[in-house]
């Protein structure tokens, strides 16, 4: 799917699915074992000003981390065969819903 399909299909406003850049960095440093082990992308949504972006973090040659950033509107279709991981904040449940 596209970034649009992956994130907007979560049933929450995009703003609620964003992590800060600091949160993304801490997650990557503290939870390296949760990054995709075969070097495929682990995706994080974040916002700068009014613009949404997706950080693509992955293991690179020599077990070094590689980070790419794409605009949310990037229309690449990510192949499900690679089982990309999407990280988002835990959202509070609305008991009246």
C-alpha atoms as a PDB file:
ATOM      1  CA  UNK A   1       0.000   0.000   0.000  1.00  0.00           C
ATOM      2  CA  UNK A   2       0.886   3.666  -0.125  1.00  0.00           C
ATOM      3  CA  UNK A   3       1.682   5.737   2.963  1.00  0.00           C
ATOM      4  CA  UNK A   4      -1.818   7.156   2.642  1.00  0.00           C
ATOM      5  CA  UNK A   5      -3.377   3.675   2.798  1.00  0.00           C
ATOM      6  CA  UNK A   6      -1.114   2.465   5.605  1.00  0.00           C
ATOM      7  CA  UNK A   7      -1.657   5.371   7.963  1.00  0.00           C
ATOM      8  CA  UNK A   8      -5.087   6.745   7.118  1.00  0.00           C
ATOM      9  CA  UNK A   9      -6.571   3.253   7.368  1.00  0.00           C
ATOM     10  CA  UNK A  10      -5.876   3.242  11.114  1.00  0.00           C
ATOM     11  CA  UNK A  11      -9.136   5.010  11.982  1.00  0.00           C
ATOM     12  CA  UNK A  12      -7.458   7.983  13.672  1.00  0.00           C
ATOM     13  CA  UNK A  13      -6.493  11.473  12.516  1.00  0.00           C
ATOM     14  CA  UNK A  14      -2.985  11.621  11.041  1.00  0.00           C
ATOM     15  CA  UNK A  15      -1.883  14.058  13.759  1.00  0.00           C
ATOM     16  CA  UNK A  16      -2.658  11.394  16.381  1.00  0.00           C
ATOM     17  CA  UNK A  17      -0.483   8.840  14.547  1.00  0.00           C
ATOM     18  CA  UNK A  18       2.606  11.041  14.441  1.00  0.00           C
ATOM     19  CA  UNK A  19       5.670  10.598  16.572  1.00  0.00           C
ATOM     20  CA  UNK A  20       8.096  13.420  17.207  1.00  0.00           C
ATOM     21  CA  UNK A  21      11.525  13.162  15.647  1.00  0.00           C
ATOM     22  CA  UNK A  22      12.909  12.755  19.173  1.00  0.00           C
ATOM     23  CA  UNK A  23      10.521   9.846  19.847  1.00  0.00           C
ATOM     24  CA  UNK A  24      11.572   8.164  16.604  1.00  0.00           C
ATOM     25  CA  UNK A  25      15.245   8.504  17.471  1.00  0.00           C
ATOM     26  CA  UNK A  26      14.690   7.118  20.986  1.00  0.00           C
ATOM     27  CA  UNK A  27      12.654   4.202  19.626  1.00  0.00           C
ATOM     28  CA  UNK A  28      15.375   3.279  17.140  1.00  0.00           C
ATOM     29  CA  UNK A  29      18.139   3.546  19.738  1.00  0.00           C
ATOM     30  CA  UNK A  30      16.249   1.724  22.515  1.00  0.00           C
ATOM     31  CA  UNK A  31      14.355  -0.876  20.491  1.00  0.00           C
ATOM     32  CA  UNK A  32      16.684  -1.920  17.687  1.00  0.00           C
ATOM     33  CA  UNK A  33      15.361  -5.458  18.058  1.00  0.00           C
ATOM     34  CA  UNK A  34      11.956  -4.225  16.779  1.00  0.00           C
ATOM     35  CA  UNK A  35      13.378  -3.031  13.461  1.00  0.00           C
ATOM     36  CA  UNK A  36      12.769  -5.396  10.570  1.00  0.00           C
ATOM     37  CA  UNK A  37      15.529  -8.036  10.868  1.00  0.00           C
ATOM     38  CA  UNK A  38      15.928  -8.606   7.110  1.00  0.00           C
ATOM     39  CA  UNK A  39      16.709  -4.960   6.401  1.00  0.00           C
ATOM     40  CA  UNK A  40      13.281  -3.947   5.140  1.00  0.00           C
ATOM     41  CA  UNK A  41      11.747  -0.662   6.216  1.00  0.00           C
ATOM     42  CA  UNK A  42      10.313   0.172   9.590  1.00  0.00           C
ATOM     43  CA  UNK A  43       8.100   3.232   8.999  1.00  0.00           C
ATOM     44  CA  UNK A  44       7.396   6.192  11.299  1.00  0.00           C
ATOM     45  CA  UNK A  45       4.979   9.055  10.555  1.00  0.00           C
ATOM     46  CA  UNK A  46       5.982  12.538  11.714  1.00  0.00           C
ATOM     47  CA  UNK A  47       5.036  16.122  11.020  1.00  0.00           C
ATOM     48  CA  UNK A  48       7.048  19.281  10.415  1.00  0.00           C
ATOM     49  CA  UNK A  49       4.921  22.411  10.377  1.00  0.00           C
ATOM     50  CA  UNK A  50       1.832  21.432   8.407  1.00  0.00           C
ATOM     51  CA  UNK A  51       3.608  18.751   6.346  1.00  0.00           C
ATOM     52  CA  UNK A  52       3.601  15.009   7.014  1.00  0.00           C
ATOM     53  CA  UNK A  53       6.641  12.821   6.367  1.00  0.00           C
ATOM     54  CA  UNK A  54       7.524   9.164   6.785  1.00  0.00           C
ATOM     55  CA  UNK A  55      10.898   8.078   8.129  1.00  0.00           C
ATOM     56  CA  UNK A  56      12.064   4.773   6.665  1.00  0.00           C
ATOM     57  CA  UNK A  57      14.562   3.181   9.071  1.00  0.00           C
ATOM     58  CA  UNK A  58      16.358  -0.022   8.158  1.00  0.00           C
ATOM     59  CA  UNK A  59      19.452  -2.082   8.755  1.00  0.00           C
ATOM     60  CA  UNK A  60      22.088  -1.507   6.095  1.00  0.00           C
ATOM     61  CA  UNK A  61      25.327  -3.279   5.196  1.00  0.00           C
ATOM     62  CA  UNK A  62      27.429  -4.058   8.279  1.00  0.00           C
ATOM     63  CA  UNK A  63      24.441  -3.707  10.630  1.00  0.00           C
ATOM     64  CA  UNK A  64      24.532   0.065  10.305  1.00  0.00           C
ATOM     65  CA  UNK A  65      21.286   2.000  10.451  1.00  0.00           C
ATOM     66  CA  UNK A  66      20.034   3.777   7.349  1.00  0.00           C
ATOM     67  CA  UNK A  67      17.298   6.416   7.443  1.00  0.00           C
ATOM     68  CA  UNK A  68      15.428   7.860   4.484  1.00  0.00           C
ATOM     69  CA  UNK A  69      12.657  10.445   4.705  1.00  0.00           C
ATOM     70  CA  UNK A  70       9.800  10.657   2.227  1.00  0.00           C
ATOM     71  CA  UNK A  71       6.968  13.136   1.941  1.00  0.00           C
ATOM     72  CA  UNK A  72       3.662  11.565   2.957  1.00  0.00           C
ATOM     73  CA  UNK A  73       2.305  12.175  -0.545  1.00  0.00           C
ATOM     74  CA  UNK A  74       4.992   9.927  -2.085  1.00  0.00           C
ATOM     75  CA  UNK A  75       2.880   7.500  -4.105  1.00  0.00           C
ATOM     76  CA  UNK A  76       5.155   4.454  -4.095  1.00  0.00           C
ATOM     77  CA  UNK A  77       3.247   1.226  -3.453  1.00  0.00           C
ATOM     78  CA  UNK A  78       5.071  -0.765  -0.774  1.00  0.00           C
ATOM     79  CA  UNK A  79       4.958  -4.505  -1.495  1.00  0.00           C
ATOM     80  CA  UNK A  80       3.370  -6.495   1.340  1.00  0.00           C
ATOM     81  CA  UNK A  81       5.695  -9.451   0.653  1.00  0.00           C
ATOM     82  CA  UNK A  82       8.426  -7.650   2.614  1.00  0.00           C
ATOM     83  CA  UNK A  83       6.224  -7.183   5.689  1.00  0.00           C
ATOM     84  CA  UNK A  84       7.266  -3.630   6.405  1.00  0.00           C
ATOM     85  CA  UNK A  85       6.704  -2.539   9.975  1.00  0.00           C
ATOM     86  CA  UNK A  86       4.722   0.555  10.903  1.00  0.00           C
ATOM     87  CA  UNK A  87       5.324   2.189  14.282  1.00  0.00           C
ATOM     88  CA  UNK A  88       2.720   4.513  15.735  1.00  0.00           C
ATOM     89  CA  UNK A  89       1.862   5.797  19.191  1.00  0.00           C
ATOM     90  CA  UNK A  90      -0.512   3.821  21.353  1.00  0.00           C
ATOM     91  CA  UNK A  91      -3.840   5.583  21.177  1.00  0.00           C
ATOM     92  CA  UNK A  92      -6.269   5.841  24.073  1.00  0.00           C
ATOM     93  CA  UNK A  93      -9.488   3.949  23.467  1.00  0.00           C
ATOM     94  CA  UNK A  94     -12.694   5.925  23.479  1.00  0.00           C
ATOM     95  CA  UNK A  95     -15.039   3.915  25.745  1.00  0.00           C
ATOM     96  CA  UNK A  96     -18.123   5.747  24.430  1.00  0.00           C
ATOM     97  CA  UNK A  97     -17.413   4.775  20.814  1.00  0.00           C
END
